[in-house]
Amino acid sequence: MTVLKHPISGATYTLMGNGLVEVENNGLKGTFAFNGQYQSGDLRQADPHMLLWMAGPQLPDEFNVRRNR
């Protein structure tokens, strides 16, 4: 399970799969699609860049090449 903490707000972003992210901030939770669309919960706003970075379309494995060896 991928969990990241937002560097400014301190909100936690948890990858739920299928392009969904659960965000928790100050005791409120909300679920969002990778494109920022609200799905459910009390929290109704999230950082769109964090959502896209965590749950958005990913490069195929053959393009994830480690450059620093």
Protein backbone atom coordinates (compact mmCIF):
# COMPACT_ATOMS: atom_id res chain seq x y z
CA MET A 1 0.00 0.00 0.00
CA THR A 2 1.45 3.35 -1.03
CA VAL A 3 1.03 6.15 1.51
CA LEU A 4 2.53 9.62 1.10
CA LYS A 5 2.41 12.65 3.35
CA HIS A 6 1.83 16.02 1.68
CA PRO A 7 4.89 18.19 2.37
CA ILE A 8 2.90 21.38 3.04
CA SER A 9 -0.53 20.42 4.40
CA GLY A 10 0.52 17.23 6.19
CA ALA A 11 -2.43 15.34 4.67
CA THR A 12 -1.89 11.62 4.04
CA TYR A 13 -2.60 10.23 0.58
CA THR A 14 -3.24 6.49 0.39
CA LEU A 15 -3.39 4.71 -2.96
CA MET A 16 -6.50 2.49 -3.02
CA GLY A 17 -6.14 1.10 -6.55
CA ASN A 18 -8.26 1.57 -9.66
CA GLY A 19 -7.17 5.21 -9.89
CA LEU A 20 -8.55 6.14 -6.45
CA VAL A 21 -6.78 7.85 -3.58
CA GLU A 22 -7.99 8.27 0.01
CA VAL A 23 -6.95 11.58 1.56
CA GLU A 24 -6.99 12.25 5.31
CA ASN A 25 -6.41 15.70 6.77
CA ASN A 26 -7.26 17.01 10.25
CA GLY A 27 -9.50 14.03 10.99
CA LEU A 28 -11.49 14.34 7.75
CA LYS A 29 -11.33 11.70 5.00
CA GLY A 30 -12.26 11.81 1.36
CA THR A 31 -11.82 9.63 -1.70
CA PHE A 32 -10.79 11.10 -5.03
CA ALA A 33 -10.12 9.87 -8.55
CA PHE A 34 -6.67 10.50 -10.01
CA ASN A 35 -8.08 13.40 -12.05
CA GLY A 36 -9.26 15.20 -8.89
CA GLN A 37 -12.91 14.20 -9.11
CA TYR A 38 -14.48 13.87 -5.64
CA GLN A 39 -15.91 10.40 -4.95
CA SER A 40 -16.99 10.26 -1.30
CA GLY A 41 -16.28 11.37 2.27
CA ASP A 42 -16.24 14.53 4.37
CA LEU A 43 -13.06 15.97 2.85
CA ARG A 44 -13.90 17.57 -0.48
CA GLN A 45 -10.59 18.99 -1.68
CA ALA A 46 -7.18 17.53 -2.36
CA ASP A 47 -3.98 18.44 -4.16
CA PRO A 48 -4.54 17.49 -7.83
CA HIS A 49 -0.81 17.05 -8.42
CA MET A 50 -0.51 14.48 -5.61
CA LEU A 51 -3.57 12.61 -6.90
CA LEU A 52 -2.24 12.46 -10.45
CA TRP A 53 1.27 11.52 -9.35
CA MET A 54 0.03 8.68 -7.14
CA ALA A 55 -2.84 7.19 -9.10
CA GLY A 56 -2.59 8.58 -12.62
CA PRO A 57 -1.49 6.68 -15.70
CA GLN A 58 1.96 5.17 -15.26
CA LEU A 59 4.68 4.42 -17.79
CA PRO A 60 4.99 0.78 -18.85
CA ASP A 61 7.73 -1.15 -17.04
CA GLU A 62 10.01 -1.19 -20.08
CA PHE A 63 10.21 2.63 -19.91
CA ASN A 64 11.06 2.73 -16.21
CA VAL A 65 14.79 2.54 -16.73
CA ARG A 66 17.19 3.40 -13.95
CA ARG A 67 19.64 5.91 -15.42
CA ASN A 68 22.10 6.23 -12.51
CA ARG A 69 24.15 3.07 -12.20
